[in-house]
Protein backbone atom coordinates (compact mmCIF):
# COMPACT_ATOMS: atom_id res chain seq x y z
CA MET A 1 21.08 1.12 -12.34
CA SER A 2 17.92 1.26 -14.48
CA LYS A 3 17.53 -2.53 -14.28
CA ALA A 4 17.68 -2.29 -10.49
CA LEU A 5 14.93 0.32 -10.61
CA ILE A 6 12.64 -1.85 -12.74
CA ASP A 7 13.40 -4.88 -10.56
CA THR A 8 12.42 -2.87 -7.49
CA TYR A 9 9.18 -1.76 -9.15
CA GLU A 10 8.53 -5.44 -9.97
CA SER A 11 9.02 -6.53 -6.38
CA SER A 12 6.91 -3.60 -5.14
CA ALA A 13 4.07 -4.64 -7.44
CA LYS A 14 4.31 -8.22 -6.16
CA ILE A 15 4.12 -7.06 -2.55
CA MET A 16 1.13 -4.86 -3.36
CA ALA A 17 -0.58 -7.84 -5.04
CA GLN A 18 0.04 -9.88 -1.88
CA MET A 19 -1.43 -7.05 0.17
CA LEU A 20 -4.55 -7.13 -2.00
CA ILE A 21 -4.91 -10.89 -1.54
CA ALA A 22 -4.58 -10.46 2.23
CA ALA A 23 -7.12 -7.61 2.22
CA ARG A 24 -9.59 -9.74 0.27
CA GLN A 25 -9.17 -12.41 2.96
CA ASP A 26 -9.76 -9.79 5.68
CA ALA A 27 -6.23 -10.47 6.99
CA TRP A 28 -5.43 -6.90 7.95
CA GLU A 29 -2.48 -7.81 10.17
CA LYS A 30 -0.86 -9.42 7.13
CA VAL A 31 -1.62 -6.32 5.07
CA THR A 32 0.16 -4.22 7.70
CA GLU A 33 3.20 -6.53 7.70
CA LEU A 34 3.42 -6.41 3.92
CA GLU A 35 2.95 -2.66 3.92
CA GLN A 36 6.16 -2.27 5.89
CA SER A 37 8.08 -4.23 3.23
CA TYR A 38 6.34 -2.24 0.51
CA MET A 39 7.32 1.08 2.08
CA LEU A 40 10.95 -0.03 2.24
CA LYS A 41 10.82 -0.80 -1.49
CA ILE A 42 9.34 2.64 -2.16
CA GLU A 43 12.26 4.25 -0.33
CA VAL A 44 14.66 2.25 -2.54
CA ILE A 45 12.73 3.39 -5.62
CA LYS A 46 13.01 7.03 -4.54
CA THR A 47 16.75 6.66 -4.07
CA LEU A 48 17.23 4.92 -7.41
CA GLU A 49 15.08 7.48 -9.24
CA GLN A 50 17.06 10.32 -7.69
CA THR A 51 20.38 8.65 -8.55
CA LEU A 52 19.29 8.20 -12.17
CA ARG A 53 18.35 11.88 -12.39
CA LEU A 54 21.58 13.06 -10.79
CA GLN A 55 23.61 10.94 -13.17
CA SER A 56 21.50 12.10 -16.13
CA LEU A 57 20.57 8.51 -16.91
CA SER A 58 17.22 7.39 -18.22
CA LEU A 59 15.21 4.24 -18.79
CA THR A 60 15.05 2.59 -22.18
CA PRO A 61 11.68 2.88 -23.94
CA GLU A 62 10.93 -0.74 -22.97
CA GLN A 63 11.82 -0.08 -19.35
CA HIS A 64 9.72 3.06 -19.32
CA LYS A 65 6.70 1.12 -20.65
CA ARG A 66 7.25 -1.62 -18.07
CA LYS A 67 7.48 0.99 -15.31
CA GLN A 68 4.18 2.52 -16.44
CA VAL A 69 2.46 -0.88 -16.42
CA LEU A 70 3.80 -1.64 -12.95
CA VAL A 71 2.79 1.74 -11.54
CA GLN A 72 -0.72 1.34 -12.99
CA GLN A 73 -0.95 -2.15 -11.46
CA ILE A 74 0.23 -0.86 -8.08
CA LEU A 75 -2.29 2.00 -8.16
CA ALA A 76 -5.15 -0.31 -9.15
CA ASP A 77 -4.31 -2.76 -6.35
CA ASP A 78 -3.95 0.12 -3.88
CA GLY A 79 -7.35 1.47 -4.90
CA GLU A 80 -8.99 -1.90 -4.39
CA ILE A 81 -7.34 -2.28 -0.98
CA ARG A 82 -8.69 1.14 0.01
CA ASP A 83 -12.17 0.11 -1.16
CA LEU A 84 -11.93 -2.99 1.03
CA LEU A 85 -10.58 -0.97 3.95
CA TYR A 86 -13.31 1.68 4.14
CA PRO A 87 -16.03 -0.63 5.55
CA VAL A 88 -13.55 -1.93 8.13
CA MET A 89 -12.66 1.62 9.15
CA HIS A 90 -16.36 2.49 9.51
CA ARG A 91 -16.93 -0.55 11.75
CA ILE A 92 -13.97 0.43 13.91
CA THR A 93 -15.17 4.03 14.11
CA ASP A 94 -18.64 2.84 15.12
CA MET A 95 -17.17 0.57 17.80
CA ILE A 96 -15.09 3.42 19.20
CA PHE A 97 -18.08 5.77 19.18
CA ASP A 98 -20.25 3.17 20.94
CA ALA A 99 -17.56 2.54 23.55
CA GLN A 100 -17.20 6.27 24.19
CA LEU A 101 -20.96 6.67 24.43
CA HIS A 102 -21.28 3.83 26.95
CA ALA A 103 -18.38 5.23 28.95
CA ARG A 104 -20.24 8.55 29.33
CA ILE A 105 -23.64 7.10 30.28
CA PRO A 106 -23.91 5.82 33.85
CA PRO A 107 -24.67 2.07 33.84
CA ASP A 108 -27.83 2.47 35.93
CA THR A 109 -29.47 4.60 33.19
CA LEU A 110 -29.12 1.97 30.46
């Protein structure tokens, strides 16, 4: 059970790393696709973590260290993705605002 948990953290970290690569390439559709796979892995992690707790099982010290490293890696990659996403979100917001503004102003007044 604990090996399955670590394996799932490993695959989650790999997906997050792929998401970061896609974000760096401005391939946001790919990021979204990968995010769906990532979220499925997170649901598996939640289930495995809960099962371990209910069965009063725990990770070995080595597994616990590996989990910490993986979580830190996932969080770092997630943070970088967010940093890359903010300028994109601002551009989209500006485009929406401009479109709304032009929709309100009659064309003959421009």
